[in-house]
């Protein structure tokens, strides 16, 4: 029932694994060239505070990369609708169960992608001698939850946008990035009233507005003022998006 989506996720993860492997191999080659053919990893025992790398930054990179991956996977229902709907409706399972099985495969794929990214970052930092620079900052565990939730929120919203799109699903998913980034830019700009209020309200349903991260400066504004409300907001967006997508899926006609 979910075999086709599992193959799609596996293919994406395998391609990403190759990309990460190439990056790591290039860095290892650079290390060998730097030390005259001897493989060596430099470790700095005492790292000045200004050179420390906050752990939150690693979570942010993993979260943003997984959000891109989530946007690709979030077209699964539209892909299934495009020439496969007649076959899907012959499956010996309810439409909702069939769709949920695909969403579950995507969720597992996103978790693997997130961990792959974090591990690859750690390996690259070790190879460049900067792993010892990583320090646990005060917002690390809050940001861990937030950057785990950002891909889920983006996935839910994009599923809702593309569930009925059929062959236009990829285009809709791509345009959603453009629209989300334009809204963030408008939110940063000093628009006159009432436009600033309108844009600010719309940003509550824009998962990318929750993904901001700044290094060496105060955190940029989020839709909510506390980390747990931002986390809850992302989870709610993901759930509502999936519910809206499932509602569309259930009403589709083959």
Protein backbone atom coordinates (compact mmCIF):
# COMPACT_ATOMS: atom_id res chain seq x y z
CA UNK A 1 0.00 0.00 0.00
CA UNK A 2 2.82 2.39 0.81
CA UNK A 3 5.47 0.61 -1.32
CA UNK A 4 5.50 3.22 -4.08
CA UNK A 5 6.02 6.10 -1.66
CA UNK A 6 8.69 4.12 0.20
CA UNK A 7 10.61 3.71 -3.07
CA UNK A 8 10.29 7.45 -3.71
CA UNK A 9 11.61 8.34 -0.25
CA UNK A 10 14.42 5.78 -0.48
CA UNK A 11 15.50 7.16 -3.85
CA UNK A 12 15.66 10.71 -2.44
CA UNK A 13 17.59 9.60 0.64
CA UNK A 14 20.04 7.58 -1.44
CA UNK A 15 20.71 10.57 -3.70
CA UNK A 16 21.26 12.76 -0.65
CA UNK A 17 23.59 10.16 0.86
CA UNK A 18 25.71 10.27 -2.30
CA UNK A 19 25.89 14.09 -2.11
CA UNK A 20 26.95 13.98 1.55
CA UNK A 21 29.47 11.23 0.79
CA UNK A 22 31.04 13.32 -1.96
CA UNK A 23 31.34 16.34 0.36
CA UNK A 24 32.97 14.24 3.09
CA UNK A 25 35.31 12.56 0.57
CA UNK A 26 36.39 15.96 -0.76
CA UNK A 27 37.18 17.16 2.75
CA UNK A 28 39.13 13.98 3.53
CA UNK A 29 41.10 14.48 0.32
CA UNK A 30 41.83 18.05 1.39
CA UNK A 31 43.08 16.78 4.77
CA UNK A 32 45.40 14.29 3.09
CA UNK A 33 46.79 16.97 0.78
CA UNK A 34 47.27 19.40 3.65
CA UNK A 35 49.24 16.97 5.80
CA UNK A 36 51.34 15.36 3.07
CA UNK A 37 49.32 12.19 2.62
CA UNK A 38 48.83 11.58 6.35
CA UNK A 39 45.24 11.64 7.50
CA UNK A 40 44.91 13.89 10.55
CA UNK A 41 42.13 15.57 12.50
CA UNK A 42 43.05 18.72 14.40
CA UNK A 43 41.45 19.20 17.82
CA UNK A 44 41.52 22.53 19.63
CA UNK A 45 41.39 21.92 23.39
CA UNK A 46 40.70 25.52 24.41
CA UNK A 47 38.32 27.41 22.18
CA UNK A 48 37.73 31.14 22.77
CA UNK A 49 34.12 32.05 23.34
CA UNK A 50 33.95 34.15 20.18
CA UNK A 51 35.01 31.14 18.08
CA UNK A 52 32.48 28.73 19.56
CA UNK A 53 29.82 27.28 17.28
CA UNK A 54 26.41 27.18 18.99
CA UNK A 55 24.73 23.78 18.89
CA UNK A 56 21.55 25.59 17.84
CA UNK A 57 23.23 26.43 14.52
CA UNK A 58 23.70 22.73 13.76
CA UNK A 59 20.05 22.09 14.56
CA UNK A 60 19.07 25.03 12.34
CA UNK A 61 21.03 23.72 9.34
CA UNK A 62 19.53 20.24 9.78
CA UNK A 63 16.04 21.67 10.17
CA UNK A 64 16.19 23.95 7.13
CA UNK A 65 17.69 21.20 4.95
CA UNK A 66 14.94 18.81 6.06
CA UNK A 67 12.33 21.47 5.35
CA UNK A 68 13.48 21.54 1.73
CA UNK A 69 13.22 17.74 1.66
CA UNK A 70 9.76 17.94 3.26
CA UNK A 71 8.59 20.25 0.49
CA UNK A 72 9.59 17.62 -2.06
CA UNK A 73 7.85 14.79 -0.23
CA UNK A 74 4.72 16.86 0.40
CA UNK A 75 3.58 16.28 -3.18
CA UNK A 76 2.93 12.59 -2.49
CA UNK A 77 -0.88 12.87 -2.68
CA UNK A 78 -0.78 14.95 -5.86
CA UNK A 79 1.65 12.44 -7.39
CA UNK A 80 -0.73 9.64 -6.46
CA UNK A 81 -3.62 11.59 -7.99
CA UNK A 82 -1.79 12.05 -11.28
CA UNK A 83 -2.58 8.89 -13.22
CA UNK A 84 -2.63 6.55 -10.21
CA UNK A 85 -5.94 7.45 -8.55
CA UNK A 86 -7.93 4.72 -10.30
CA UNK A 87 -5.49 2.11 -9.00
CA UNK A 88 -5.38 3.69 -5.52
CA UNK A 89 -9.14 3.38 -5.12
CA UNK A 90 -8.97 -0.37 -5.83
CA UNK A 91 -6.73 -0.98 -2.79
CA UNK A 92 -8.38 -3.06 -0.01
CA UNK A 93 -8.17 -0.20 2.50
CA UNK A 94 -9.95 3.04 3.24
CA UNK A 95 -8.85 6.18 1.42
CA UNK A 96 -7.75 7.81 4.68
CA UNK A 97 -5.73 4.78 5.74
CA UNK A 98 -4.09 4.62 2.33
CA UNK A 99 -3.11 8.31 2.53
CA UNK A 100 -1.93 8.03 6.15
CA UNK A 101 0.38 5.16 5.22
CA UNK A 102 2.10 7.42 2.67
CA UNK A 103 2.32 10.30 5.15
CA UNK A 104 3.86 7.96 7.72
CA UNK A 105 6.54 6.88 5.26
CA UNK A 106 7.30 10.53 4.52
CA UNK A 107 7.56 11.34 8.25
CA UNK A 108 10.05 8.50 8.74
CA UNK A 109 12.02 9.71 5.72
CA UNK A 110 12.19 13.25 7.12
CA UNK A 111 13.49 11.93 10.45
CA UNK A 112 16.24 9.97 8.68
CA UNK A 113 17.11 12.99 6.52
CA UNK A 114 17.38 15.22 9.62
CA UNK A 115 19.74 12.78 11.35
CA UNK A 116 21.81 12.25 8.20
CA UNK A 117 22.32 16.00 7.90
CA UNK A 118 23.33 16.40 11.55
CA UNK A 119 25.78 13.48 11.39
CA UNK A 120 27.29 14.79 8.15
CA UNK A 121 27.78 18.24 9.71
CA UNK A 122 29.54 16.67 12.71
CA UNK A 123 31.83 14.64 10.44
CA UNK A 124 32.73 17.71 8.36
CA UNK A 125 33.39 19.74 11.51
CA UNK A 126 35.63 16.95 12.82
CA UNK A 127 37.55 16.80 9.55
CA UNK A 128 38.10 20.57 9.57
CA UNK A 129 39.12 20.57 13.24
CA UNK A 130 36.10 22.55 14.38
CA UNK A 131 34.04 19.90 16.15
CA UNK A 132 35.55 20.93 19.49
CA UNK A 133 34.24 24.45 18.79
CA UNK A 134 30.65 23.28 19.15
CA UNK A 135 29.15 24.47 22.43
CA UNK A 136 25.74 23.94 23.96
CA UNK A 137 24.08 27.35 23.98
CA UNK A 138 21.23 28.36 26.25
CA UNK A 139 18.57 27.96 23.55
CA UNK A 140 19.88 24.66 22.14
CA UNK A 141 17.13 22.32 23.32
CA UNK A 142 14.38 24.83 22.53
CA UNK A 143 15.80 25.18 19.04
CA UNK A 144 16.07 21.40 18.71
CA UNK A 145 12.31 21.09 19.14
CA UNK A 146 11.64 24.05 16.86
CA UNK A 147 13.83 22.77 14.04
CA UNK A 148 12.30 19.33 14.32
CA UNK A 149 8.86 20.92 13.98
CA UNK A 150 9.60 23.32 11.10
CA UNK A 151 9.74 20.51 8.47
CA UNK A 152 6.52 19.03 9.86
CA UNK A 153 4.73 22.37 9.64
CA UNK A 154 5.98 22.98 6.10
CA UNK A 155 5.04 19.44 5.08
CA UNK A 156 1.49 19.83 6.38
CA UNK A 157 0.91 23.18 4.68
CA UNK A 158 2.27 21.91 1.36
CA UNK A 159 0.19 18.74 1.54
CA UNK A 160 -2.89 20.93 1.94
CA UNK A 161 -1.83 23.08 -1.03
CA UNK A 162 -1.00 20.21 -3.37
CA UNK A 163 -3.38 17.38 -2.42
CA UNK A 164 -5.81 18.20 -5.25
CA UNK A 165 -3.26 19.63 -7.68
CA UNK A 166 -2.54 16.40 -9.59
CA UNK A 167 0.13 17.16 -12.24
CA UNK A 168 0.49 20.74 -10.97
CA UNK A 169 1.63 19.61 -7.52
CA UNK A 170 5.32 20.25 -8.16
CA UNK A 171 4.63 23.73 -9.48
CA UNK A 172 2.41 24.59 -6.52
CA UNK A 173 5.05 23.33 -4.08
CA UNK A 174 7.72 25.42 -5.79
CA UNK A 175 5.59 28.56 -5.80
CA UNK A 176 4.83 28.06 -2.11
CA UNK A 177 8.52 28.71 -1.40
CA UNK A 178 8.39 31.92 -3.40
CA UNK A 179 5.23 33.08 -1.65
CA UNK A 180 6.52 32.18 1.83
CA UNK A 181 9.81 34.03 1.32
CA UNK A 182 8.05 37.10 -0.10
CA UNK A 183 5.81 37.20 2.96
CA UNK A 184 8.84 37.05 5.25
CA UNK A 185 10.47 39.90 3.31
CA UNK A 186 7.29 41.95 3.61
CA UNK A 187 7.19 41.21 7.33
CA UNK A 188 10.71 42.56 7.74
CA UNK A 189 9.92 45.67 5.68
CA UNK A 190 8.33 48.61 7.44
CA UNK A 191 4.96 48.53 5.71
CA UNK A 192 2.32 51.09 6.51
CA UNK A 193 -0.86 50.13 8.33
CA UNK A 194 -3.00 48.18 7.70
CA UNK A 195 -0.65 46.20 5.42
CA UNK A 196 1.83 45.45 8.18
CA UNK A 197 -0.96 43.98 10.32
CA UNK A 198 -2.27 41.89 7.42
CA UNK A 199 1.16 40.49 6.59
CA UNK A 200 1.88 39.88 10.29
CA UNK A 201 -1.33 37.87 10.59
CA UNK A 202 -0.56 35.78 7.49
CA UNK A 203 2.90 34.98 8.87
CA UNK A 204 1.23 32.95 11.62
CA UNK A 205 0.41 30.31 8.97
CA UNK A 206 3.79 30.51 7.24
CA UNK A 207 6.05 27.78 8.69
CA UNK A 208 9.17 29.42 7.28
CA UNK A 209 8.51 32.43 9.51
CA UNK A 210 9.27 30.13 12.48
CA UNK A 211 12.61 28.98 11.03
CA UNK A 212 14.71 32.14 11.44
CA UNK A 213 18.10 31.93 13.11
CA UNK A 214 20.72 34.63 13.64
CA UNK A 215 24.34 34.12 14.71
CA UNK A 216 25.98 36.69 16.97
CA UNK A 217 22.94 38.94 17.21
CA UNK A 218 19.52 38.93 18.89
CA UNK A 219 17.09 36.39 17.54
CA UNK A 220 14.84 37.74 14.76
CA UNK A 221 11.14 38.13 15.56
CA UNK A 222 8.98 35.02 15.43
CA UNK A 223 5.20 34.87 15.11
CA UNK A 224 5.03 34.24 18.88
CA UNK A 225 7.23 35.61 21.65
CA UNK A 226 7.93 32.33 23.46
CA UNK A 227 9.66 29.24 22.07
CA UNK A 228 6.98 26.81 23.17
CA UNK A 229 4.20 28.77 21.43
CA UNK A 230 6.26 28.75 18.24
CA UNK A 231 6.75 25.00 18.63
CA UNK A 232 3.04 24.45 19.24
CA UNK A 233 2.20 26.72 16.30
CA UNK A 234 4.31 24.59 13.96
CA UNK A 235 2.75 21.36 15.20
CA UNK A 236 -0.75 22.83 14.78
CA UNK A 237 0.07 23.96 11.23
CA UNK A 238 1.32 20.47 10.40
CA UNK A 239 -1.78 18.78 11.83
CA UNK A 240 -4.25 21.19 10.23
CA UNK A 241 -2.46 20.90 6.90
CA UNK A 242 -2.60 17.11 6.98
CA UNK A 243 -6.29 17.17 7.97
CA UNK A 244 -7.05 19.54 5.07
CA UNK A 245 -5.08 17.32 2.68
CA UNK A 246 -6.88 14.18 3.86
CA UNK A 247 -10.23 15.92 3.47
CA UNK A 248 -9.40 16.76 -0.15
CA UNK A 249 -8.09 13.24 -0.76
CA UNK A 250 -11.26 11.66 0.57
CA UNK A 251 -13.46 13.77 -1.71
CA UNK A 252 -11.47 13.16 -4.90
CA UNK A 253 -13.12 11.20 -7.67
CA UNK A 254 -11.09 8.76 -9.76
